[in-house]
Structure formats: C-alpha cells, structure tokens
Amino acid sequence: MTTRGDQILDRTLSKVGGKGLFVKELEAALADGRADLAVHSLKDVPMALPEGFALSTIMEREDPRDALVSNTYDSLAALPEGAVVGTSSLRREAMLRMRYPHLEVRPLRGNLDTRLAKLDRGDYAAIILAAAGLKRLGLGERIRALLDPEDSLPAAGQGALGIEIRADRAELAAWLAPLHHEHTAAAVEAERMVSRALGGSCEVPLAAYATWHDGALHLRGIVATPDGQRVLSAQASAPATSVEQAIALGQEVAGALEQQGAMEIVRALGAANGAAAADSAVTGE
C-alpha cells in the first residue's frame, strides 16, 4: 500500500499530520480485513496505538544510527560553511544546528530513491538518513559515515521493525511470536515511553536510545529546540527483565527531562505549529 505519508512530498511531516500518516491507512486495512498484519519502521509509529490494535512483535534491531550520505564529503566536519544538508527530521535538524551552526539545513522529503536522486543532482551537499533503511534496501554502499549516537542520538525505535495486528488476533500473535526479540523489545519500550510521557511527535526534536550493558539497560533521552540553541539531556540505567521495568526506566528519564523544562519546549512547539496550521488553513497554503 502507498500511504499519504508516501504521497505528500512537498512538506515536512510535522506540517501535514506527523507520523500517523504512515500508519492510519494500514490500520484501516487491518480493521476491515484487507490485511492481516502491517510491518512498520518503529520510529514512524505513533507512541499510542488506537484501541483494538497491538504491536504484537518487535523484531531484532538493525543498525540504529543515523548515516551521512554524500558524493563528496566523508564527514559532517568536512562540510564547508554554507553547505546544504538535507533531513526530514526535526531531531536531526536540531543536532546539526547545535554542532554545526555553519551548515544550512533544508527539509528533505520523498522515498529513499527520491532523496538519493535529489542528492545526486546537486540539491544537497549531504543528506542524513537512517542507516537501517539504507542497509535493508541494499544501499549500504551509499553511506559515507555512520554518526556516533553521542553526536546524533537516534529516534525512539529507530532501526527496529514492529508488526501490528488487530488485538483480537491471538492466533496470529502466536504465529508471529518466534520473530519477537526480547532485548530489542525492552529497549524500544523504554525509548517509546520517554516520547509518550513527554507527548513527543514529529513537531518536537526528541531522541531516546537504549543499549544493553552487563545485563542492564542504559537509556539516554534528549529534547531540544529546532534551532539547537537549547538541548536537554538525561540518562539512567536499570535491570530490565520485564516490559514493566523497561517502561519504568523510560518514565525515569522522561521525569528527569521534565525537571529540566522539557514540557516548556513541547508546549511552545505545539502552540507554534498550531498557529502555523491555522495560518495555512486561512491562506490555503
């Protein structure tokens, strides 16, 4: 299926309905029986699913990092002043503006082939994409550099695939169970809890990334302003032998971010985007 998220290519996701654009039509197909399951890139799945649906399976994670793709430059540091970098993500934009204020960041939409074509025709000096998508489509050779999570913290769920089904399809959930990867699921649950607790969406530069170290889950979260001028960061570690423990870890990191003023950023961006949407409705743009 081709969703509206695939069709609307001239505006950023935050301006046209957010991550749900990729999911709603697939859920409609699940609801009316046209499809038995939907496979999602978890970073594009809204943090709360509609009643009657479930993420029954979370598969083993691919590379969660962001990737630099360029025909000329081997690193972000090598890009000259004023070089144009494309990204579809406010999270990546904020990180770029914070660390490389001399670069010009522009929106980048379209499917993977379209984005690469825009790079190849010279619209951008470099673009930032999810490494997992490039690798899954056999395009790993286009990656010039993988960005360290310390420099570009991944989005919640980045690199992981989730399988969504109707919640009443217990037999289908059992059939899919062998594909479920417990360590990935725990990490992703913690990450998504950070975003859920803070009301994260495409309108908010928010990152959350969890890794396993010596049997404990280490989670880091970031909330930023799009211009990169204000970046809040928090982290915590805990054993996570159950989904409940992973969720509690996510709540702990979200709480630490709230104490630093994360909700001020979230509310301000929500108000700004609401005003922009109203202006667009009036002007027809």
Protein backbone atom coordinates (compact mmCIF):
# COMPACT_ATOMS: atom_id res chain seq x y z
CA MET A 1 0.00 0.00 0.00
CA THR A 2 1.03 3.58 -0.61
CA THR A 3 0.05 5.85 2.28
CA ARG A 4 -0.48 9.60 2.39
CA GLY A 5 2.85 9.83 4.15
CA ASP A 6 4.41 8.49 0.95
CA GLN A 7 2.37 10.78 -1.31
CA ILE A 8 2.80 14.20 0.35
CA LEU A 9 6.37 15.09 -0.55
CA ASP A 10 6.45 18.89 -0.58
CA ARG A 11 6.04 19.48 3.16
CA THR A 12 7.69 18.17 6.30
CA LEU A 13 5.85 15.54 8.35
CA SER A 14 5.40 17.95 11.25
CA LYS A 15 3.29 20.18 8.95
CA VAL A 16 1.00 17.52 7.47
CA GLY A 17 -0.07 15.27 10.31
CA GLY A 18 3.04 13.64 11.67
CA LYS A 19 3.94 10.00 11.90
CA GLY A 20 0.34 8.82 11.78
CA LEU A 21 0.31 9.50 8.03
CA PHE A 22 2.26 6.27 7.54
CA VAL A 23 0.06 4.19 9.82
CA LYS A 24 -3.62 5.17 9.67
CA GLU A 25 -4.38 3.70 6.25
CA LEU A 26 -2.62 0.47 7.15
CA GLU A 27 -4.69 0.24 10.33
CA ALA A 28 -7.84 0.75 8.26
CA ALA A 29 -6.78 -2.22 6.12
CA LEU A 30 -6.25 -4.31 9.25
CA ALA A 31 -9.63 -3.28 10.64
CA ASP A 32 -11.63 -4.27 7.55
CA GLY A 33 -9.71 -7.47 6.83
CA ARG A 34 -7.83 -6.36 3.74
CA ALA A 35 -4.59 -7.07 5.60
CA ASP A 36 -3.65 -9.45 8.40
CA LEU A 37 -0.61 -7.55 9.60
CA ALA A 38 1.33 -4.36 8.99
CA VAL A 39 5.11 -4.10 9.25
CA HIS A 40 6.29 -0.70 10.42
CA SER A 41 9.56 1.09 10.97
CA LEU A 42 9.00 1.73 14.67
CA LYS A 43 10.41 5.24 14.61
CA ASP A 44 7.44 6.16 12.39
CA VAL A 45 4.77 4.61 14.63
CA PRO A 46 2.81 6.96 16.93
CA MET A 47 3.51 6.35 20.61
CA ALA A 48 -0.09 5.39 21.41
CA LEU A 49 -1.95 2.96 19.16
CA PRO A 50 -5.72 3.19 18.65
CA GLU A 51 -7.90 0.88 20.70
CA GLY A 52 -8.17 -2.55 19.10
CA PHE A 53 -4.63 -2.69 17.71
CA ALA A 54 -1.41 -4.10 19.14
CA LEU A 55 2.29 -4.20 18.33
CA SER A 56 2.49 -7.95 18.78
CA THR A 57 6.05 -8.40 17.57
CA ILE A 58 9.23 -6.33 17.68
CA MET A 59 11.99 -7.80 15.55
CA GLU A 60 15.73 -7.73 16.19
CA ARG A 61 17.12 -4.28 15.65
CA GLU A 62 19.21 -3.27 12.65
CA ASP A 63 21.81 -0.53 12.96
CA PRO A 64 20.02 2.28 14.86
CA ARG A 65 22.44 5.05 13.88
CA ASP A 66 21.97 7.98 11.53
CA ALA A 67 24.04 7.87 8.35
CA LEU A 68 25.77 10.61 6.38
CA VAL A 69 25.25 10.18 2.64
CA SER A 70 27.30 12.38 0.32
CA ASN A 71 29.04 12.12 -3.02
CA THR A 72 31.85 14.42 -1.90
CA TYR A 73 32.33 14.56 1.86
CA ASP A 74 33.34 11.83 4.30
CA SER A 75 32.14 13.54 7.47
CA LEU A 76 29.96 16.37 8.69
CA ALA A 77 33.09 18.12 9.93
CA ALA A 78 34.44 18.20 6.36
CA LEU A 79 31.46 20.16 5.01
CA PRO A 80 32.33 23.80 4.24
CA GLU A 81 30.48 26.80 5.58
CA GLY A 82 27.07 27.20 3.94
CA ALA A 83 26.94 23.63 2.64
CA VAL A 84 23.35 22.41 2.32
CA VAL A 85 22.41 19.33 4.35
CA GLY A 86 19.03 17.65 3.89
CA THR A 87 16.99 15.90 6.56
CA SER A 88 13.33 15.08 7.12
CA SER A 89 13.71 15.07 10.90
CA LEU A 90 13.49 17.94 13.39
CA ARG A 91 15.58 15.81 15.74
CA ARG A 92 18.42 15.60 13.22
CA GLU A 93 18.00 19.27 12.34
CA ALA A 94 18.40 20.30 15.97
CA MET A 95 21.53 18.17 16.39
CA LEU A 96 23.02 19.59 13.18
CA ARG A 97 22.29 23.18 14.15
CA MET A 98 23.76 22.64 17.61
CA ARG A 99 27.02 21.00 16.48
CA TYR A 100 27.47 22.54 13.01
CA PRO A 101 25.88 26.01 13.01
CA HIS A 102 27.81 26.96 9.86
CA LEU A 103 25.80 24.49 7.75
CA GLU A 104 22.48 25.22 6.02
CA VAL A 105 19.84 22.65 6.93
CA ARG A 106 16.94 22.16 4.50
CA PRO A 107 13.92 19.82 4.52
CA LEU A 108 14.17 16.56 2.58
CA ARG A 109 11.08 14.51 1.71
CA GLY A 110 10.28 11.61 -0.58
CA ASN A 111 11.03 7.91 -0.58
CA LEU A 112 14.62 6.72 -0.39
CA ASP A 113 15.18 6.71 -4.15
CA THR A 114 13.80 10.25 -4.42
CA ARG A 115 16.02 11.51 -1.62
CA LEU A 116 19.13 9.97 -3.14
CA ALA A 117 18.21 11.42 -6.55
CA LYS A 118 17.98 14.91 -5.03
CA LEU A 119 21.46 14.45 -3.58
CA ASP A 120 22.84 13.13 -6.87
CA ARG A 121 21.53 16.07 -8.89
CA GLY A 122 23.24 18.51 -6.55
CA ASP A 123 20.36 19.85 -4.46
CA TYR A 124 22.30 18.95 -1.31
CA ALA A 125 25.95 18.54 -0.38
CA ALA A 126 24.93 15.76 2.00
CA ILE A 127 21.82 14.18 3.45
CA ILE A 128 21.18 12.40 6.74
CA LEU A 129 19.19 9.15 6.64
CA ALA A 130 18.56 6.18 8.92
CA ALA A 131 21.31 3.62 8.38
CA ALA A 132 18.84 0.75 8.82
CA GLY A 133 16.72 1.76 5.83
CA LEU A 134 19.73 2.01 3.54
CA LYS A 135 21.08 -1.34 4.66
CA ARG A 136 17.74 -3.15 4.38
CA LEU A 137 17.34 -1.96 0.79
CA GLY A 138 20.85 -2.99 -0.20
CA LEU A 139 22.11 0.59 -0.36
CA GLY A 140 24.67 0.41 2.41
CA GLU A 141 27.42 1.39 -0.02
CA ARG A 142 25.91 4.90 -0.19
CA ILE A 143 26.82 5.51 3.46
CA ARG A 144 29.89 7.72 3.81
CA ALA A 145 29.87 7.77 7.61
CA LEU A 146 27.81 6.42 10.48
CA LEU A 147 27.09 9.10 13.06
CA ASP A 148 28.02 8.31 16.64
CA PRO A 149 24.93 8.30 18.89
CA GLU A 150 26.77 10.76 21.12
CA ASP A 151 26.61 13.24 18.23
CA SER A 152 23.23 12.28 16.76
CA LEU A 153 21.11 10.37 19.24
CA PRO A 154 18.66 8.07 17.39
CA ALA A 155 14.90 8.43 17.49
CA ALA A 156 12.85 6.13 19.69
CA GLY A 157 12.57 2.77 17.93
CA GLN A 158 14.99 3.67 15.14
CA GLY A 159 16.35 0.60 13.37
CA ALA A 160 13.63 -1.73 14.69
CA LEU A 161 10.66 -3.18 12.83
CA GLY A 162 7.34 -3.74 14.55
CA ILE A 163 4.44 -5.90 13.40
CA GLU A 164 0.99 -4.50 14.13
CA ILE A 165 -2.12 -6.66 14.19
CA ARG A 166 -5.67 -6.41 15.46
CA ALA A 167 -5.67 -7.02 19.20
CA ASP A 168 -8.24 -9.81 18.83
CA ARG A 169 -5.99 -11.89 16.55
CA ALA A 170 -4.47 -14.08 19.27
CA GLU A 171 -3.74 -16.91 16.84
CA LEU A 172 -1.79 -14.56 14.59
CA ALA A 173 0.17 -13.20 17.56
CA ALA A 174 1.16 -16.77 18.48
CA TRP A 175 2.26 -17.46 14.90
CA LEU A 176 4.45 -14.33 14.91
CA ALA A 177 5.94 -14.98 18.36
CA PRO A 178 9.18 -16.62 17.08
CA LEU A 179 10.07 -13.32 15.36
CA HIS A 180 9.89 -11.36 18.63
CA HIS A 181 13.27 -10.22 20.02
CA GLU A 182 13.13 -9.61 23.77
CA HIS A 183 16.20 -7.39 24.13
CA THR A 184 15.13 -5.14 21.27
CA ALA A 185 11.58 -5.01 22.62
CA ALA A 186 12.74 -3.92 26.08
CA ALA A 187 14.99 -1.22 24.62
CA VAL A 188 12.25 0.08 22.34
CA GLU A 189 9.63 0.06 25.11
CA ALA A 190 11.91 2.23 27.26
CA GLU A 191 12.61 4.62 24.37
CA ARG A 192 8.97 4.95 23.35
CA MET A 193 7.98 5.58 26.97
CA VAL A 194 10.21 8.67 27.04
CA SER A 195 8.43 10.06 23.99
CA ARG A 196 4.98 9.00 25.19
CA ALA A 197 5.45 10.60 28.62
CA LEU A 198 6.57 13.89 27.08
CA GLY A 199 3.95 13.95 24.33
CA GLY A 200 6.60 13.57 21.66
CA SER A 201 5.69 13.88 17.98
CA CYS A 202 7.22 14.96 14.68
CA GLU A 203 6.82 18.54 15.93
CA VAL A 204 9.34 18.02 18.74
CA PRO A 205 13.08 17.30 18.38
CA LEU A 206 13.15 14.33 20.75
CA ALA A 207 15.53 11.38 20.84
CA ALA A 208 15.66 8.29 23.03
CA TYR A 209 18.12 5.43 22.68
CA ALA A 210 18.65 2.39 24.92
CA THR A 211 21.53 -0.09 24.90
CA TRP A 212 22.36 -3.15 26.94
CA HIS A 213 25.49 -3.21 29.15
CA ASP A 214 26.29 -6.10 31.53
CA GLY A 215 22.66 -7.14 31.87
CA ALA A 216 21.35 -3.62 32.48
CA LEU A 217 19.53 -1.32 30.10
CA HIS A 218 21.10 2.13 29.70
CA LEU A 219 18.73 4.79 28.36
CA ARG A 220 19.51 8.31 27.21
CA GLY A 221 16.95 10.90 26.17
CA ILE A 222 17.15 14.35 24.60
CA VAL A 223 14.63 17.14 24.00
CA ALA A 224 15.74 20.19 22.01
CA THR A 225 14.53 23.30 20.28
CA PRO A 226 14.69 23.05 16.46
CA ASP A 227 17.41 25.70 16.28
CA GLY A 228 19.65 23.63 18.55
CA GLN A 229 20.05 26.51 20.99
CA ARG A 230 18.56 24.57 23.89
CA VAL A 231 19.27 20.86 24.33
CA LEU A 232 18.15 18.95 27.43
CA SER A 233 19.67 15.54 28.18
CA ALA A 234 19.06 12.84 30.79
CA GLN A 235 20.11 9.23 31.25
CA ALA A 236 19.58 6.30 33.60
CA SER A 237 20.36 2.60 33.87
CA ALA A 238 18.48 -0.32 35.43
CA PRO A 239 17.91 -4.06 35.03
CA ALA A 240 15.02 -4.63 32.64
CA THR A 241 13.90 -8.24 32.80
CA SER A 242 10.31 -7.26 32.05
CA VAL A 243 8.40 -4.79 29.92
CA GLU A 244 7.25 -3.07 33.11
CA GLN A 245 10.85 -2.42 34.18
CA ALA A 246 11.72 -1.04 30.75
CA ILE A 247 8.73 1.28 30.87
CA ALA A 248 9.70 2.42 34.38
CA LEU A 249 13.18 3.28 33.09
CA GLY A 250 11.62 5.34 30.32
CA GLN A 251 9.45 7.15 32.85
CA GLU A 252 12.54 7.92 34.97
CA VAL A 253 14.38 9.53 32.06
CA ALA A 254 11.26 11.42 30.96
CA GLY A 255 10.84 12.70 34.51
CA ALA A 256 14.42 13.94 34.60
CA LEU A 257 13.85 15.78 31.32
CA GLU A 258 10.64 17.29 32.67
CA GLN A 259 12.54 18.65 35.67
CA GLN A 260 14.88 20.43 33.26
CA GLY A 261 11.98 22.11 31.45
CA ALA A 262 11.22 19.71 28.60
CA MET A 263 7.50 20.40 28.72
CA GLU A 264 8.14 24.11 28.15
CA ILE A 265 9.74 23.19 24.82
CA VAL A 266 6.99 20.70 23.94
CA ARG A 267 4.19 23.17 24.71
CA ALA A 268 5.89 26.04 22.88
CA LEU A 269 6.40 23.96 19.74
CA GLY A 270 2.84 22.66 19.89
CA ALA A 271 1.48 26.21 20.10
CA ALA A 272 3.74 27.40 17.28
CA ASN A 273 2.73 24.56 14.99
CA GLY A 274 -0.94 25.05 15.83
CA ALA A 275 -0.70 28.70 14.83
CA ALA A 276 1.11 27.79 11.62
CA ALA A 277 -1.58 25.26 10.74
CA ALA A 278 -4.29 27.87 11.30
CA ASP A 279 -2.46 30.34 9.06
CA SER A 280 -2.16 27.70 6.34
CA ALA A 281 -5.87 26.98 6.53
CA VAL A 282 -6.67 30.67 6.09
CA THR A 283 -4.24 31.28 3.23
CA GLY A 284 -4.78 27.93 1.51
CA GLU A 285 -1.06 27.18 1.53
